[in-house]
Amino acid sequence: MSEVFISYARSTAPQARQVADALRALGYSVWRDDELPAHRAYAEVIEERLTAARAVVVIWSAEATRSQWVFSEANRAREDGKLVQMAVDGARLPMPFDSIQCADLAGWRGDTDAPGWRKVVASIADLVGTDVAPAQVGGGATLPGKPSIAVLPFANLSGDAEQDYFADGMVVEIVAALSRVRSIFVIASGSSLALKGQGLGPRDAARRLGVRYGLEGSVRKAGGRVRIAVHLIDADDGSQIWTHRFEDTLDDVFALQDQVALSAAGVIEPAVREAEVRRAATRPTDNMGSYDLYLRALSFLRTYVRTDVFKALDMTERAIGLDPEHGAATALACRINYLIDLYGWARDSTDHRARAIELGRRALRLVADDAWSLSNVATVMAFCERDIQGALTLIDRALTINPGCSAAWTMRGAVGVLNGRFDQAVEDFEVGMRLDPMGPDRVPCILFKAMARLQQRRFDEAVALARELVQQTDNPTGCAILAAGYGHLGQTVLAAEALERYRTLAPQPIETYARAVWHDPAHVKLFLDGVALAGGGDVTA
């Protein structure tokens, strides 16, 4: 159930939508009556949601003071000790609500720094509890419950005041690109640019804006070329998380801004996610909320060690138990169950396949605007359900939301491998690796690219990629590709070693594995022919 229930009169629906969006950006799950299901009685759903909510925000207006529904909902919230009031048009509140603290938000347009809004957020944080209450950064403004970032004013190092417009435009474009990434809370460009000329360092500016991360940058023009340097800073300790430099001509200013914005957004999301994973690893495990458990699960999953994968599964299940609406955790649990089925890591792996499909369908309702999570669901849709068109539709949606999402490009390539469109698939993998050259999304990119090269009979390249994969993780697929690739190359000793390593890591017979990852019988045969040459015995397609 949702943590926050919003009560309002019909004339203030736009304000109710603003309140809901702002609270969701802070990491809260929110319900208002535009989400009423068609098959249930209105009053029954209202009562259920009102009872389950931990905070009830009542938006008072002239119409609301005359509404029996608003009055009834407000009274129930008052009796249950979870009422939060805000007034939007100066109307006099009915008794007894006129004797209870009410935030004045007349004329509010979504400004998160407004004193009245801060009062509302503080009350909700107190009622909902510390598991989801926003964190604090160094005595500055309140942090949202999910990673938060501000793109700080870029410095114009050109000595040309006319280039200020380009530097400011860079901030606006990067904010717009990052705003598509729903896993990150992004401060509006207007608030960021308001700090221009105040002489604040990146750490102080980030604290002033109440965010955990700050992206600072500089623009230097020389002749017909421009150099843009960007640095991602952790406001907690001032450490630099990521840095990059872009250089190009000024022939097409807007195209250059688009290029930098897309590249920055593509890299910043995984960089912030990794910083959050490291932060979660230092927290005590006995007091972890749903988001922390999700981050821990990510760190365990990346080893591809069987015991770690089951730890990751446990953490995602606990995360979902704490917050059934946590879409990213649901999508991740979907992917983990698929891996357990793929490698035969459970006594009855088909249970995990069914669970993967069930969680994937549930996740689609929860992650409609999260490109990374949609990519996780697309993996299961393609490989478990064998719904190639459905997976491509999800990937297209993910890339529309965030064209810089490396995981979506990787998954598009993976579906291309299943379709036998190997050249296009490799191009997609190269885009994915260019967007995230060092992050964890590189691992599945290498994995699927190795599969593509194997089917193209470019066995040397397949082996080189698989070697890189097994150097980074204990992923059984890397060993399987090595066995088949070395087999086709006639390097039987190395092939046999890789096959034995696969059998150590994955109890699933390699023939069963092959039919799970290759849908075309010809692809299965090519793979198993290589395994047979590796000393795999009577493996058959």
Protein backbone atom coordinates (compact mmCIF):
# COMPACT_ATOMS: atom_id res chain seq x y z
CA MET A 1 0.00 0.00 0.00
CA SER A 2 1.04 3.64 -0.50
CA GLU A 3 2.71 5.60 2.29
CA VAL A 4 1.00 8.92 1.51
CA PHE A 5 -2.72 9.46 0.74
CA ILE A 6 -3.72 12.77 -0.88
CA SER A 7 -7.18 14.22 -0.22
CA TYR A 8 -8.39 17.14 -2.36
CA ALA A 9 -11.35 18.68 -4.15
CA ARG A 10 -11.70 18.35 -7.91
CA SER A 11 -10.84 22.01 -8.61
CA THR A 12 -7.37 21.50 -7.09
CA ALA A 13 -6.48 18.40 -9.14
CA PRO A 14 -3.47 20.19 -10.74
CA GLN A 15 -2.08 21.04 -7.27
CA ALA A 16 -2.72 17.46 -6.12
CA ARG A 17 -0.74 16.21 -9.11
CA GLN A 18 2.14 18.58 -8.26
CA VAL A 19 2.17 17.37 -4.66
CA ALA A 20 2.14 13.71 -5.74
CA ASP A 21 4.97 14.22 -8.25
CA ALA A 22 7.10 16.11 -5.73
CA LEU A 23 6.62 13.43 -3.06
CA ARG A 24 7.39 10.61 -5.49
CA ALA A 25 10.58 12.43 -6.46
CA LEU A 26 11.52 12.25 -2.77
CA GLY A 27 11.09 8.48 -2.84
CA TYR A 28 7.61 8.17 -1.28
CA SER A 29 4.84 5.97 -2.67
CA VAL A 30 1.73 8.12 -3.14
CA TRP A 31 -1.96 7.43 -3.82
CA ARG A 32 -4.72 9.75 -4.96
CA ASP A 33 -8.12 8.95 -6.37
CA ASP A 34 -7.18 9.18 -10.04
CA GLU A 35 -5.82 5.64 -9.51
CA LEU A 36 -9.17 4.09 -8.58
CA PRO A 37 -9.56 0.64 -10.19
CA ALA A 38 -12.58 0.21 -12.44
CA HIS A 39 -13.72 -3.06 -10.88
CA ARG A 40 -14.06 -2.03 -7.22
CA ALA A 41 -16.44 0.15 -5.20
CA TYR A 42 -15.22 3.74 -4.78
CA ALA A 43 -15.83 3.98 -1.03
CA GLU A 44 -14.26 0.58 -0.36
CA VAL A 45 -10.98 1.52 -2.09
CA ILE A 46 -10.86 4.96 -0.45
CA GLU A 47 -11.25 3.46 3.02
CA GLU A 48 -8.66 0.77 2.34
CA ARG A 49 -6.07 3.25 1.09
CA LEU A 50 -6.81 5.79 3.80
CA THR A 51 -6.41 3.19 6.52
CA ALA A 52 -3.16 1.81 5.11
CA ALA A 53 -1.48 5.21 4.54
CA ARG A 54 1.04 6.42 7.11
CA ALA A 55 0.45 10.10 6.25
CA VAL A 56 -2.61 11.85 4.79
CA VAL A 57 -2.06 15.17 2.98
CA VAL A 58 -5.23 17.26 2.86
CA ILE A 59 -5.21 20.07 0.28
CA TRP A 60 -7.64 22.68 1.61
CA SER A 61 -9.38 25.03 -0.80
CA ALA A 62 -12.73 26.83 -0.91
CA GLU A 63 -14.27 23.80 -2.62
CA ALA A 64 -12.57 21.34 -0.25
CA THR A 65 -14.08 23.05 2.81
CA ARG A 66 -17.53 22.23 1.37
CA SER A 67 -16.70 18.65 0.35
CA GLN A 68 -18.09 15.90 2.58
CA TRP A 69 -15.48 13.50 1.17
CA VAL A 70 -12.52 15.77 2.02
CA PHE A 71 -13.96 16.53 5.47
CA SER A 72 -14.48 12.81 6.19
CA GLU A 73 -10.97 11.86 5.02
CA ALA A 74 -9.40 14.71 6.98
CA ASN A 75 -11.31 13.76 10.11
CA ARG A 76 -10.25 10.10 9.86
CA ALA A 77 -6.63 11.21 9.42
CA ARG A 78 -6.92 13.55 12.41
CA GLU A 79 -8.32 10.77 14.61
CA ASP A 80 -5.54 8.40 13.48
CA GLY A 81 -2.83 11.00 14.16
CA LYS A 82 -1.53 11.18 10.58
CA LEU A 83 -2.97 14.44 9.23
CA VAL A 84 -0.80 16.86 7.22
CA GLN A 85 -2.59 20.03 6.06
CA MET A 86 -1.83 22.54 3.34
CA ALA A 87 -3.96 25.44 2.09
CA VAL A 88 -3.75 26.64 -1.51
CA ASP A 89 -6.21 29.54 -1.80
CA GLY A 90 -6.53 31.17 1.61
CA ALA A 91 -9.96 29.70 2.34
CA ARG A 92 -10.93 29.54 6.02
CA LEU A 93 -10.58 25.99 7.32
CA PRO A 94 -13.61 24.28 8.93
CA MET A 95 -13.58 23.36 12.61
CA PRO A 96 -11.72 21.60 14.20
CA PHE A 97 -9.07 21.76 11.46
CA ASP A 98 -8.63 25.51 11.89
CA SER A 99 -6.91 24.84 15.22
CA ILE A 100 -4.33 22.46 13.68
CA GLN A 101 -1.08 23.57 12.00
CA CYS A 102 -1.59 24.12 8.25
CA ALA A 103 1.12 24.98 5.71
CA ASP A 104 0.36 28.02 3.56
CA LEU A 105 1.03 27.11 -0.07
CA ALA A 106 -1.11 29.68 -1.84
CA GLY A 107 0.21 30.11 -5.37
CA TRP A 108 2.65 27.20 -5.00
CA ARG A 109 4.05 25.98 -8.33
CA GLY A 110 6.19 23.08 -7.17
CA ASP A 111 9.11 25.05 -5.65
CA THR A 112 10.80 22.58 -3.28
CA ASP A 113 12.49 25.42 -1.39
CA ALA A 114 9.17 27.08 -0.41
CA PRO A 115 8.90 27.29 3.42
CA GLY A 116 5.37 25.85 3.35
CA TRP A 117 6.47 22.87 1.28
CA ARG A 118 9.43 22.21 3.59
CA LYS A 119 6.96 22.11 6.46
CA VAL A 120 4.78 19.55 4.62
CA VAL A 121 7.81 17.35 3.79
CA ALA A 122 9.10 17.48 7.37
CA SER A 123 5.70 16.37 8.72
CA ILE A 124 5.48 13.48 6.24
CA ALA A 125 9.03 12.37 7.06
CA ASP A 126 8.14 12.34 10.76
CA LEU A 127 4.96 10.31 10.20
CA VAL A 128 6.31 7.81 7.67
CA GLY A 129 9.42 7.05 9.70
CA THR A 130 13.17 6.83 9.22
CA ASP A 131 13.14 3.97 6.68
CA VAL A 132 12.01 6.33 3.95
CA ALA A 133 12.48 9.75 5.49
CA PRO A 134 14.86 11.96 3.49
CA ALA A 135 18.46 11.99 4.67
CA GLN A 136 20.51 15.04 5.62
CA VAL A 137 23.71 16.33 4.01
CA GLY A 138 26.02 18.35 6.20
CA GLY A 139 23.36 20.57 7.72
CA GLY A 140 22.08 21.75 4.33
CA ALA A 141 18.68 21.25 2.78
CA THR A 142 16.78 17.98 3.03
CA LEU A 143 17.91 15.20 0.68
CA PRO A 144 15.41 13.05 -1.20
CA GLY A 145 15.33 9.35 -0.41
CA LYS A 146 16.90 8.45 -3.80
CA PRO A 147 20.21 9.71 -5.26
CA SER A 148 20.05 13.44 -5.88
CA ILE A 149 22.14 15.63 -8.15
CA ALA A 150 22.48 19.24 -9.21
CA VAL A 151 24.18 20.37 -12.41
CA LEU A 152 26.06 23.40 -11.14
CA PRO A 153 26.70 26.54 -13.23
CA PHE A 154 29.47 25.88 -15.75
CA ALA A 155 32.48 28.20 -15.63
CA ASN A 156 33.19 30.15 -18.81
CA LEU A 157 36.99 30.07 -19.18
CA SER A 158 36.98 31.58 -22.67
CA GLY A 159 37.44 35.19 -21.64
CA ASP A 160 34.46 35.90 -23.89
CA ALA A 161 31.34 37.02 -22.03
CA GLU A 162 29.22 36.11 -25.04
CA GLN A 163 30.04 32.44 -24.36
CA ASP A 164 28.07 32.60 -21.10
CA TYR A 165 24.97 31.64 -23.07
CA PHE A 166 26.70 28.44 -24.23
CA ALA A 167 27.83 27.53 -20.69
CA ASP A 168 24.33 28.14 -19.29
CA GLY A 169 22.78 26.22 -22.18
CA MET A 170 25.01 23.26 -21.32
CA VAL A 171 23.54 23.19 -17.79
CA VAL A 172 19.97 23.30 -19.12
CA GLU A 173 20.59 20.49 -21.64
CA ILE A 174 22.29 18.16 -19.14
CA VAL A 175 19.51 18.73 -16.60
CA ALA A 176 16.94 17.90 -19.29
CA ALA A 177 18.81 14.69 -20.18
CA LEU A 178 19.21 13.63 -16.54
CA SER A 179 15.56 14.35 -15.80
CA ARG A 180 14.67 11.36 -17.98
CA VAL A 181 16.53 9.10 -15.54
CA ARG A 182 13.85 8.32 -12.95
CA SER A 183 16.27 6.63 -10.54
CA ILE A 184 17.88 10.04 -9.85
CA PHE A 185 16.33 13.19 -8.35
CA VAL A 186 17.56 16.20 -10.38
CA ILE A 187 17.38 19.83 -9.23
CA ALA A 188 15.79 22.13 -11.82
CA SER A 189 18.24 24.14 -13.92
CA GLY A 190 16.72 27.43 -12.70
CA SER A 191 17.68 26.64 -9.10
CA SER A 192 21.19 25.61 -10.16
CA LEU A 193 21.80 28.71 -12.28
CA ALA A 194 20.56 30.91 -9.41
CA LEU A 195 23.89 30.12 -7.68
CA LYS A 196 25.88 31.60 -10.55
CA GLY A 197 28.38 34.22 -9.44
CA GLN A 198 28.07 33.45 -5.72
CA GLY A 199 31.60 32.04 -5.45
CA LEU A 200 30.52 28.69 -4.02
CA GLY A 201 32.67 25.60 -4.47
CA PRO A 202 30.96 22.48 -5.86
CA ARG A 203 30.64 20.85 -2.44
CA ASP A 204 29.08 23.94 -0.84
CA ALA A 205 26.80 24.51 -3.83
CA ALA A 206 25.55 20.92 -3.67
CA ARG A 207 24.87 21.29 0.05
CA ARG A 208 23.05 24.59 -0.52
CA LEU A 209 20.76 22.86 -3.03
CA GLY A 210 20.30 19.85 -0.75
CA VAL A 211 21.73 17.19 -3.05
CA ARG A 212 24.23 14.40 -2.58
CA TYR A 213 26.06 14.86 -5.89
CA GLY A 214 27.11 17.91 -7.87
CA LEU A 215 28.20 18.02 -11.51
CA GLU A 216 30.52 20.96 -12.15
CA GLY A 217 31.93 21.91 -15.49
CA SER A 218 33.90 24.45 -17.48
CA VAL A 219 33.81 25.67 -21.07
CA ARG A 220 36.91 26.97 -22.87
CA LYS A 221 36.71 28.28 -26.42
CA ALA A 222 39.84 28.56 -28.55
CA GLY A 223 39.56 29.48 -32.21
CA GLY A 224 36.75 27.48 -33.74
CA ARG A 225 36.92 24.70 -31.14
CA VAL A 226 35.48 24.31 -27.65
CA ARG A 227 36.64 22.13 -24.76
CA ILE A 228 34.12 21.10 -22.08
CA ALA A 229 35.36 19.49 -18.86
CA VAL A 230 32.92 17.93 -16.37
CA HIS A 231 33.45 16.50 -12.87
CA LEU A 232 30.98 14.57 -10.70
CA ILE A 233 31.50 15.34 -6.99
CA ASP A 234 30.22 13.61 -3.84
CA ALA A 235 29.03 16.41 -1.54
CA ASP A 236 29.54 14.26 1.56
CA ASP A 237 33.32 14.08 1.35
CA GLY A 238 34.19 16.17 -1.70
CA SER A 239 35.59 13.16 -3.59
CA GLN A 240 35.57 13.12 -7.37
CA ILE A 241 33.52 10.20 -8.72
CA TRP A 242 33.86 10.74 -12.45
CA THR A 243 35.50 13.18 -14.82
CA HIS A 244 35.51 13.58 -18.59
CA ARG A 245 36.51 16.04 -21.28
CA PHE A 246 34.69 16.74 -24.53
CA GLU A 247 36.27 18.62 -27.44
CA ASP A 248 34.72 19.57 -30.77
CA THR A 249 34.13 22.38 -33.24
CA LEU A 250 31.51 25.06 -32.71
CA ASP A 251 30.04 24.51 -36.18
CA ASP A 252 26.75 23.29 -34.68
CA VAL A 253 26.40 24.54 -31.11
CA PHE A 254 23.09 22.80 -30.44
CA ALA A 255 24.28 19.44 -31.76
CA LEU A 256 27.35 19.71 -29.52
CA GLN A 257 25.19 20.49 -26.48
CA ASP A 258 22.99 17.47 -27.27
CA GLN A 259 26.04 15.21 -27.64
CA VAL A 260 27.57 16.28 -24.32
CA ALA A 261 24.24 16.09 -22.49
CA LEU A 262 23.48 12.57 -23.74
CA SER A 263 27.00 11.28 -23.03
CA ALA A 264 27.05 12.84 -19.55
CA ALA A 265 23.61 11.47 -18.63
CA GLY A 266 24.53 7.99 -19.88
CA VAL A 267 27.63 7.81 -17.69
CA ILE A 268 26.33 9.69 -14.64
CA GLU A 269 23.48 7.25 -13.90
CA PRO A 270 25.73 4.17 -13.50
CA ALA A 271 28.41 6.27 -11.74
CA VAL A 272 25.88 7.49 -9.17
CA ARG A 273 24.44 3.98 -8.81
CA GLU A 274 27.92 2.62 -8.05
CA ALA A 275 28.57 5.36 -5.51
CA GLU A 276 25.27 4.52 -3.82
CA VAL A 277 26.15 0.80 -3.78
CA ARG A 278 29.46 1.60 -2.06
CA ARG A 279 27.64 3.85 0.42
CA ALA A 280 25.10 1.12 1.23
CA ALA A 281 27.91 -1.39 1.83
CA THR A 282 29.09 0.69 4.83
CA ARG A 283 25.68 0.83 6.53
CA PRO A 284 24.69 -1.55 9.33
CA THR A 285 22.68 -4.46 7.96
CA ASP A 286 20.22 -4.54 10.87
CA ASN A 287 18.70 -1.16 10.01
CA MET A 288 18.36 -1.16 6.24
CA GLY A 289 15.41 0.16 4.30
CA SER A 290 14.11 -1.11 0.96
CA TYR A 291 16.46 1.08 -1.11
CA ASP A 292 19.56 0.02 0.84
CA LEU A 293 18.65 -3.65 0.46
CA TYR A 294 18.23 -3.15 -3.29
CA LEU A 295 21.70 -1.58 -3.51
CA ARG A 296 23.24 -4.43 -1.52
CA ALA A 297 21.56 -6.91 -3.86
CA LEU A 298 23.20 -5.19 -6.83
CA SER A 299 26.66 -5.58 -5.30
CA PHE A 300 26.17 -9.29 -4.59
CA LEU A 301 24.70 -10.08 -8.02
CA ARG A 302 27.74 -8.79 -9.89
CA THR A 303 30.06 -11.56 -8.76
CA TYR A 304 27.91 -14.25 -10.44
CA VAL A 305 28.93 -16.58 -7.62
CA ARG A 306 26.05 -18.90 -6.79
CA THR A 307 25.99 -18.10 -3.04
CA ASP A 308 26.16 -14.36 -3.73
CA VAL A 309 23.32 -14.56 -6.24
CA PHE A 310 21.12 -16.18 -3.59
CA LYS A 311 22.11 -13.43 -1.14
CA ALA A 312 21.06 -10.90 -3.78
CA LEU A 313 17.75 -12.70 -4.18
CA ASP A 314 17.14 -12.63 -0.42
CA MET A 315 17.86 -8.90 -0.28
CA THR A 316 15.53 -8.06 -3.16
CA GLU A 317 12.76 -10.14 -1.60
CA ARG A 318 13.25 -8.29 1.70
CA ALA A 319 13.27 -4.97 -0.15
CA ILE A 320 9.97 -5.83 -1.83
CA GLY A 321 8.58 -6.96 1.53
CA LEU A 322 9.35 -3.54 3.01
CA ASP A 323 8.03 -1.70 -0.05
CA PRO A 324 5.82 -3.73 -2.43
CA GLU A 325 5.81 -0.73 -4.80
CA HIS A 326 9.63 -0.71 -5.17
CA GLY A 327 9.79 -1.20 -8.92
CA ALA A 328 13.58 -1.35 -9.34
CA ALA A 329 13.87 -4.07 -6.67
CA THR A 330 11.03 -6.02 -8.32
CA ALA A 331 12.70 -5.82 -11.74
CA LEU A 332 16.04 -6.88 -10.25
CA ALA A 333 14.44 -9.86 -8.47
CA CYS A 334 12.90 -10.82 -11.81
CA ARG A 335 16.37 -10.94 -13.41
CA ILE A 336 17.94 -12.83 -10.48
CA ASN A 337 15.31 -15.57 -10.62
CA TYR A 338 15.98 -15.92 -14.35
CA LEU A 339 19.73 -16.44 -13.72
CA ILE A 340 19.03 -19.11 -11.09
CA ASP A 341 16.88 -20.95 -13.61
CA LEU A 342 19.39 -20.50 -16.45
CA TYR A 343 22.31 -22.02 -14.55
CA GLY A 344 20.30 -24.66 -12.66
CA TRP A 345 21.30 -23.25 -9.28
CA ALA A 346 18.14 -24.47 -7.51
CA ARG A 347 16.72 -27.95 -6.99
CA ASP A 348 13.65 -27.03 -9.03
CA SER A 349 14.73 -24.19 -11.27
CA THR A 350 11.38 -24.05 -13.07
CA ASP A 351 9.92 -22.45 -9.93
CA HIS A 352 12.40 -19.62 -10.38
CA ARG A 353 11.50 -19.26 -14.05
CA ALA A 354 7.83 -18.91 -13.11
CA ARG A 355 8.77 -16.43 -10.38
CA ALA A 356 10.87 -14.42 -12.86
CA ILE A 357 7.93 -14.13 -15.24
CA GLU A 358 5.52 -13.22 -12.43
CA LEU A 359 7.86 -10.51 -11.07
CA GLY A 360 8.51 -9.20 -14.58
CA ARG A 361 4.81 -8.65 -15.19
CA ARG A 362 4.42 -6.95 -11.81
CA ALA A 363 7.48 -4.77 -12.46
CA LEU A 364 6.01 -3.44 -15.71
CA ARG A 365 3.29 -1.73 -13.68
CA LEU A 366 5.89 -0.17 -11.36
CA VAL A 367 8.80 0.84 -13.63
CA ALA A 368 7.05 2.34 -16.64
CA ASP A 369 9.50 5.28 -16.70
CA ASP A 370 12.75 3.63 -15.48
CA ALA A 371 14.93 2.66 -18.45
CA TRP A 372 17.39 0.50 -16.48
CA SER A 373 14.64 -1.54 -14.81
CA LEU A 374 12.75 -1.96 -18.09
CA SER A 375 15.94 -3.45 -19.53
CA ASN A 376 16.02 -6.04 -16.73
CA VAL A 377 12.43 -7.03 -17.47
CA ALA A 378 13.16 -7.19 -21.22
CA THR A 379 15.92 -9.74 -20.49
CA VAL A 380 13.41 -12.12 -18.93
CA MET A 381 10.78 -11.45 -21.58
CA ALA A 382 13.23 -12.35 -24.35
CA PHE A 383 15.01 -15.33 -22.81
CA CYS A 384 12.37 -16.84 -20.49
CA GLU A 385 9.12 -16.08 -22.27
CA ARG A 386 10.72 -15.97 -25.72
CA ASP A 387 8.62 -12.91 -26.51
CA ILE A 388 11.08 -11.15 -28.80
CA GLN A 389 8.66 -8.47 -30.01
CA GLY A 390 7.53 -7.69 -26.47
CA ALA A 391 11.15 -7.34 -25.37
CA LEU A 392 11.94 -5.00 -28.28
CA THR A 393 8.92 -2.86 -27.41
CA LEU A 394 10.20 -2.51 -23.84
CA ILE A 395 13.70 -1.66 -25.05
CA ASP A 396 12.35 0.98 -27.44
CA ARG A 397 10.43 2.49 -24.52
CA ALA A 398 13.59 2.45 -22.36
CA LEU A 399 15.64 4.20 -25.05
CA THR A 400 12.91 6.80 -25.56
CA ILE A 401 13.02 7.54 -21.82
CA ASN A 402 16.82 7.58 -21.65
CA PRO A 403 18.80 7.29 -24.91
CA GLY A 404 21.97 7.16 -22.80
CA CYS A 405 21.02 3.96 -20.91
CA SER A 406 23.83 1.50 -21.65
CA ALA A 407 21.82 -1.46 -20.29
CA ALA A 408 19.05 -0.80 -22.84
CA TRP A 409 21.53 -0.73 -25.72
CA THR A 410 23.06 -3.97 -24.44
CA MET A 411 19.67 -5.64 -24.22
CA ARG A 412 18.75 -4.48 -27.70
CA GLY A 413 21.92 -6.16 -28.92
CA ALA A 414 21.08 -9.33 -26.97
CA VAL A 415 17.72 -9.56 -28.72
CA GLY A 416 19.55 -9.04 -32.00
CA VAL A 417 21.73 -12.05 -31.16
CA LEU A 418 18.59 -14.14 -30.59
CA ASN A 419 17.26 -12.95 -33.96
CA GLY A 420 20.51 -13.75 -35.75
CA ARG A 421 21.12 -10.06 -36.53
CA PHE A 422 24.71 -10.23 -35.34
CA ASP A 423 26.22 -7.20 -37.11
CA GLN A 424 23.54 -4.85 -35.79
CA ALA A 425 23.82 -6.47 -32.35
CA VAL A 426 27.57 -5.77 -32.21
CA GLU A 427 26.94 -2.13 -33.12
CA ASP A 428 24.46 -1.89 -30.22
CA PHE A 429 27.02 -3.44 -27.84
CA GLU A 430 29.64 -0.93 -28.91
CA VAL A 431 27.22 1.94 -28.17
CA GLY A 432 26.56 0.40 -24.74
CA MET A 433 30.27 0.09 -23.96
CA ARG A 434 30.95 3.62 -25.17
CA LEU A 435 28.25 4.95 -22.83
CA ASP A 436 29.50 2.93 -19.84
CA PRO A 437 33.10 1.91 -20.61
CA MET A 438 34.14 0.93 -17.08
CA GLY A 439 30.94 0.23 -15.13
CA PRO A 440 29.21 -3.06 -14.29
CA ASP A 441 26.94 -2.83 -17.35
CA ARG A 442 30.05 -3.65 -19.39
CA VAL A 443 29.93 -7.28 -18.17
CA PRO A 444 26.66 -8.30 -19.90
CA CYS A 445 27.79 -6.28 -22.92
CA ILE A 446 30.96 -8.41 -23.23
CA LEU A 447 28.96 -11.59 -22.59
CA PHE A 448 26.46 -11.04 -25.40
CA LYS A 449 29.11 -9.71 -27.79
CA ALA A 450 31.10 -12.92 -27.23
CA MET A 451 27.96 -14.92 -28.07
CA ALA A 452 27.54 -12.90 -31.29
CA ARG A 453 31.16 -13.40 -32.35
CA LEU A 454 30.91 -17.14 -31.71
CA GLN A 455 27.90 -17.44 -34.02
CA GLN A 456 29.71 -15.35 -36.65
CA ARG A 457 32.48 -17.98 -36.45
CA ARG A 458 34.92 -15.30 -35.34
CA PHE A 459 36.19 -17.67 -32.70
CA ASP A 460 39.38 -15.76 -31.82
CA GLU A 461 37.33 -12.66 -30.94
CA ALA A 462 34.75 -14.72 -29.03
CA VAL A 463 37.53 -16.29 -26.94
CA ALA A 464 39.20 -12.94 -26.25
CA LEU A 465 35.91 -11.45 -25.03
CA ALA A 466 35.08 -14.53 -22.93
CA ARG A 467 38.55 -14.40 -21.33
CA GLU A 468 37.94 -10.78 -20.33
CA LEU A 469 34.57 -11.81 -18.89
CA VAL A 470 35.91 -14.64 -16.72
CA GLN A 471 38.69 -12.39 -15.45
CA GLN A 472 36.05 -10.04 -14.02
CA THR A 473 33.38 -12.47 -12.76
CA ASP A 474 32.60 -16.16 -12.22
CA ASN A 475 29.88 -15.99 -14.86
CA PRO A 476 29.32 -19.54 -16.20
CA THR A 477 28.49 -18.18 -19.66
CA GLY A 478 32.05 -16.93 -20.04
CA CYS A 479 33.37 -20.45 -19.40
CA ALA A 480 30.80 -21.95 -21.80
CA ILE A 481 31.82 -19.59 -24.63
CA LEU A 482 35.49 -20.31 -23.92
CA ALA A 483 34.86 -24.06 -24.14
CA ALA A 484 33.03 -23.78 -27.46
CA GLY A 485 35.41 -21.18 -28.90
CA TYR A 486 38.58 -23.05 -27.95
CA GLY A 487 36.97 -26.25 -29.25
CA HIS A 488 36.39 -24.74 -32.69
CA LEU A 489 39.96 -23.38 -32.67
CA GLY A 490 41.34 -26.85 -31.92
CA GLN A 491 42.85 -25.78 -28.59
CA THR A 492 41.48 -28.83 -26.83
CA VAL A 493 43.40 -28.56 -23.53
CA LEU A 494 42.19 -25.00 -22.91
CA ALA A 495 38.72 -25.98 -24.11
CA ALA A 496 38.53 -28.88 -21.66
CA GLU A 497 39.68 -26.65 -18.78
CA ALA A 498 36.96 -24.10 -19.59
CA LEU A 499 34.33 -26.83 -19.83
CA GLU A 500 35.33 -28.24 -16.45
CA ARG A 501 35.18 -24.77 -14.95
CA TYR A 502 31.66 -24.33 -16.37
CA ARG A 503 30.58 -27.60 -14.79
CA THR A 504 31.97 -26.46 -11.43
CA LEU A 505 30.03 -23.20 -11.57
CA ALA A 506 26.73 -24.42 -13.05
CA PRO A 507 25.09 -27.79 -12.34
CA GLN A 508 22.79 -27.26 -15.35
CA PRO A 509 23.86 -29.64 -18.19
CA ILE A 510 25.47 -27.57 -20.90
CA GLU A 511 22.98 -28.89 -23.47
CA THR A 512 20.09 -27.53 -21.35
CA TYR A 513 21.93 -24.23 -20.94
CA ALA A 514 22.51 -24.01 -24.71
CA ARG A 515 18.82 -24.44 -25.53
CA ALA A 516 17.94 -21.78 -22.94
CA VAL A 517 20.20 -19.12 -24.48
CA TRP A 518 20.00 -20.07 -28.18
CA HIS A 519 16.55 -20.24 -29.72
CA ASP A 520 17.64 -21.15 -33.26
CA PRO A 521 18.59 -24.87 -33.62
CA ALA A 522 21.46 -23.91 -35.93
CA HIS A 523 22.92 -21.67 -33.21
CA VAL A 524 22.53 -24.43 -30.61
CA LYS A 525 24.32 -26.86 -32.96
CA LEU A 526 27.28 -24.54 -33.64
CA PHE A 527 27.74 -23.97 -29.91
CA LEU A 528 27.46 -27.67 -28.96
CA ASP A 529 29.75 -28.72 -31.83
CA GLY A 530 32.45 -26.57 -30.24
CA VAL A 531 31.74 -28.04 -26.80
CA ALA A 532 31.99 -31.56 -28.25
CA LEU A 533 35.41 -30.66 -29.67
CA ALA A 534 36.31 -29.50 -26.16
CA GLY A 535 35.80 -33.03 -24.90
CA GLY A 536 32.15 -32.50 -23.99
CA GLY A 537 31.27 -36.03 -24.99
CA ASP A 538 28.02 -36.78 -26.73
CA VAL A 539 26.51 -33.28 -26.54
CA THR A 540 23.89 -32.95 -29.23
CA ALA A 541 21.67 -30.20 -30.52
